[in-house]
N, C-alpha and C. Protein backbone atom coordinates (compact mmCIF):
# COMPACT_ATOMS: atom_id res chain seq x y z
N MET A 1 112.85 -4.29 -0.77
CA MET A 1 113.75 -4.07 -1.87
C MET A 1 115.09 -4.70 -1.50
N VAL A 2 115.66 -5.42 -2.45
CA VAL A 2 116.96 -6.06 -2.29
C VAL A 2 117.83 -5.63 -3.45
N THR A 3 119.07 -5.29 -3.17
CA THR A 3 120.02 -4.90 -4.20
C THR A 3 121.17 -5.91 -4.25
N VAL A 4 121.51 -6.33 -5.46
CA VAL A 4 122.69 -7.17 -5.68
C VAL A 4 123.67 -6.30 -6.45
N ALA A 5 124.77 -5.92 -5.80
CA ALA A 5 125.69 -4.96 -6.42
C ALA A 5 127.14 -5.29 -6.11
N SER A 6 128.01 -4.91 -7.02
CA SER A 6 129.46 -5.04 -6.83
C SER A 6 130.13 -4.17 -7.88
N PHE A 7 131.26 -3.60 -7.55
CA PHE A 7 132.00 -2.81 -8.53
C PHE A 7 132.68 -3.69 -9.56
N LYS A 8 133.04 -4.89 -9.17
CA LYS A 8 133.76 -5.80 -10.05
C LYS A 8 132.79 -6.50 -10.99
N GLY A 9 133.17 -6.64 -12.22
CA GLY A 9 132.36 -7.38 -13.19
C GLY A 9 132.64 -8.87 -13.10
N GLY A 10 131.70 -9.67 -13.60
CA GLY A 10 131.91 -11.10 -13.67
C GLY A 10 131.81 -11.84 -12.35
N VAL A 11 131.09 -11.28 -11.39
CA VAL A 11 130.97 -11.94 -10.08
C VAL A 11 129.58 -12.54 -9.87
N GLU A 12 128.87 -12.76 -10.98
CA GLU A 12 127.56 -13.44 -10.95
C GLU A 12 126.44 -12.62 -10.31
N LYS A 13 126.48 -11.29 -10.48
CA LYS A 13 125.42 -10.44 -9.94
C LYS A 13 124.08 -10.75 -10.59
N THR A 14 124.04 -10.85 -11.91
CA THR A 14 122.79 -11.12 -12.61
C THR A 14 122.27 -12.50 -12.26
N THR A 15 123.14 -13.49 -12.23
CA THR A 15 122.72 -14.85 -11.89
C THR A 15 122.13 -14.88 -10.48
N THR A 16 122.79 -14.23 -9.55
CA THR A 16 122.29 -14.17 -8.17
C THR A 16 120.94 -13.47 -8.13
N ALA A 17 120.81 -12.35 -8.83
CA ALA A 17 119.55 -11.60 -8.84
C ALA A 17 118.42 -12.43 -9.46
N LEU A 18 118.71 -13.16 -10.54
CA LEU A 18 117.70 -13.99 -11.17
C LEU A 18 117.21 -15.10 -10.23
N HIS A 19 118.13 -15.76 -9.57
CA HIS A 19 117.75 -16.82 -8.64
C HIS A 19 116.99 -16.27 -7.44
N LEU A 20 117.44 -15.14 -6.93
CA LEU A 20 116.76 -14.51 -5.79
C LEU A 20 115.35 -14.08 -6.17
N ALA A 21 115.19 -13.49 -7.34
CA ALA A 21 113.86 -13.07 -7.80
C ALA A 21 112.95 -14.27 -8.01
N ALA A 22 113.49 -15.38 -8.53
CA ALA A 22 112.68 -16.59 -8.71
C ALA A 22 112.21 -17.12 -7.36
N TYR A 23 113.09 -17.13 -6.38
CA TYR A 23 112.69 -17.56 -5.04
C TYR A 23 111.63 -16.64 -4.46
N LEU A 24 111.85 -15.34 -4.54
CA LEU A 24 110.89 -14.39 -3.99
C LEU A 24 109.54 -14.48 -4.71
N GLN A 25 109.56 -14.75 -6.01
CA GLN A 25 108.32 -14.91 -6.78
C GLN A 25 107.51 -16.09 -6.25
N SER A 26 108.18 -17.10 -5.71
CA SER A 26 107.45 -18.25 -5.15
C SER A 26 106.72 -17.88 -3.86
N LYS A 27 107.09 -16.77 -3.26
CA LYS A 27 106.46 -16.30 -2.02
C LYS A 27 105.43 -15.20 -2.26
N ALA A 28 105.69 -14.34 -3.24
CA ALA A 28 104.81 -13.20 -3.56
C ALA A 28 105.28 -12.64 -4.90
N PRO A 29 104.46 -11.82 -5.57
CA PRO A 29 104.89 -11.24 -6.85
C PRO A 29 106.23 -10.50 -6.72
N ALA A 30 107.11 -10.73 -7.67
CA ALA A 30 108.44 -10.11 -7.65
C ALA A 30 108.71 -9.38 -8.95
N LEU A 31 109.52 -8.35 -8.87
CA LEU A 31 109.95 -7.58 -10.03
C LEU A 31 111.47 -7.44 -9.94
N LEU A 32 112.16 -7.79 -11.00
CA LEU A 32 113.61 -7.61 -11.08
C LEU A 32 113.87 -6.37 -11.93
N VAL A 33 114.58 -5.40 -11.38
CA VAL A 33 114.94 -4.18 -12.12
C VAL A 33 116.41 -4.31 -12.51
N ASP A 34 116.66 -4.34 -13.80
CA ASP A 34 118.00 -4.51 -14.34
C ASP A 34 118.66 -3.15 -14.49
N GLY A 35 119.61 -2.85 -13.62
CA GLY A 35 120.31 -1.57 -13.66
C GLY A 35 121.65 -1.65 -14.38
N ASP A 36 122.01 -2.83 -14.85
CA ASP A 36 123.28 -3.04 -15.54
C ASP A 36 123.17 -2.56 -16.98
N LEU A 37 124.16 -1.85 -17.45
CA LEU A 37 124.13 -1.35 -18.83
C LEU A 37 124.15 -2.48 -19.85
N ASN A 38 124.65 -3.66 -19.46
CA ASN A 38 124.66 -4.81 -20.38
C ASN A 38 123.27 -5.41 -20.56
N ARG A 39 122.37 -5.15 -19.65
CA ARG A 39 120.98 -5.63 -19.71
C ARG A 39 120.88 -7.16 -19.79
N SER A 40 121.72 -7.86 -19.07
CA SER A 40 121.72 -9.32 -19.10
C SER A 40 120.41 -9.91 -18.61
N ALA A 41 119.82 -9.33 -17.57
CA ALA A 41 118.55 -9.85 -17.06
C ALA A 41 117.44 -9.66 -18.09
N LEU A 42 117.46 -8.55 -18.80
CA LEU A 42 116.46 -8.33 -19.85
C LEU A 42 116.63 -9.33 -20.98
N ASP A 43 117.87 -9.71 -21.28
CA ASP A 43 118.12 -10.73 -22.30
C ASP A 43 117.49 -12.06 -21.88
N TRP A 44 117.66 -12.42 -20.61
CA TRP A 44 117.04 -13.65 -20.10
C TRP A 44 115.52 -13.55 -20.18
N ALA A 45 114.97 -12.39 -19.83
CA ALA A 45 113.51 -12.20 -19.84
C ALA A 45 112.96 -12.31 -21.26
N ALA A 46 113.73 -11.86 -22.24
CA ALA A 46 113.28 -11.90 -23.63
C ALA A 46 113.06 -13.34 -24.11
N ARG A 47 113.71 -14.28 -23.48
CA ARG A 47 113.53 -15.70 -23.83
C ARG A 47 112.19 -16.23 -23.37
N GLY A 48 111.54 -15.49 -22.45
CA GLY A 48 110.20 -15.85 -22.02
C GLY A 48 110.09 -16.97 -21.00
N SER A 49 111.17 -17.29 -20.31
CA SER A 49 111.12 -18.42 -19.38
C SER A 49 111.19 -18.03 -17.91
N LEU A 50 111.18 -16.74 -17.61
CA LEU A 50 111.26 -16.32 -16.21
C LEU A 50 109.87 -16.19 -15.60
N PRO A 51 109.71 -16.61 -14.35
CA PRO A 51 108.40 -16.56 -13.71
C PRO A 51 108.07 -15.21 -13.07
N PHE A 52 108.85 -14.18 -13.37
CA PHE A 52 108.65 -12.86 -12.79
C PHE A 52 108.92 -11.81 -13.86
N LYS A 53 108.51 -10.59 -13.57
CA LYS A 53 108.71 -9.49 -14.52
C LYS A 53 110.11 -8.92 -14.37
N VAL A 54 110.66 -8.45 -15.49
CA VAL A 54 111.96 -7.78 -15.50
C VAL A 54 111.78 -6.45 -16.21
N ASP A 55 112.33 -5.40 -15.60
CA ASP A 55 112.29 -4.08 -16.20
C ASP A 55 113.68 -3.47 -16.07
N MET A 56 113.89 -2.31 -16.66
CA MET A 56 115.17 -1.64 -16.54
C MET A 56 114.99 -0.29 -15.85
N THR A 57 116.06 0.24 -15.32
CA THR A 57 115.99 1.54 -14.67
C THR A 57 115.77 2.63 -15.72
N ASP A 58 115.03 3.65 -15.36
CA ASP A 58 114.70 4.72 -16.30
C ASP A 58 115.91 5.52 -16.75
N ASP A 59 116.88 5.69 -15.88
CA ASP A 59 118.02 6.55 -16.22
C ASP A 59 118.94 5.96 -17.27
N ASN A 60 118.78 4.69 -17.60
CA ASN A 60 119.65 4.06 -18.60
C ASN A 60 118.92 3.76 -19.92
N ARG A 61 117.71 4.23 -20.09
CA ARG A 61 116.93 3.94 -21.29
C ARG A 61 117.41 4.74 -22.47
């Protein structure tokens, strides 16, 4: 499990997580869990172009 986190917004956490998940997917199945209330990773996943699964944390549903 790898966490990409920061208190400050706008520091490319989602972008970093997306790239890291894509790399990890090339090695083994990967799952990106979007814990951000903005759900930016889920927005990217909705476009259908990511090679890995994206889900959200249960506590924010």
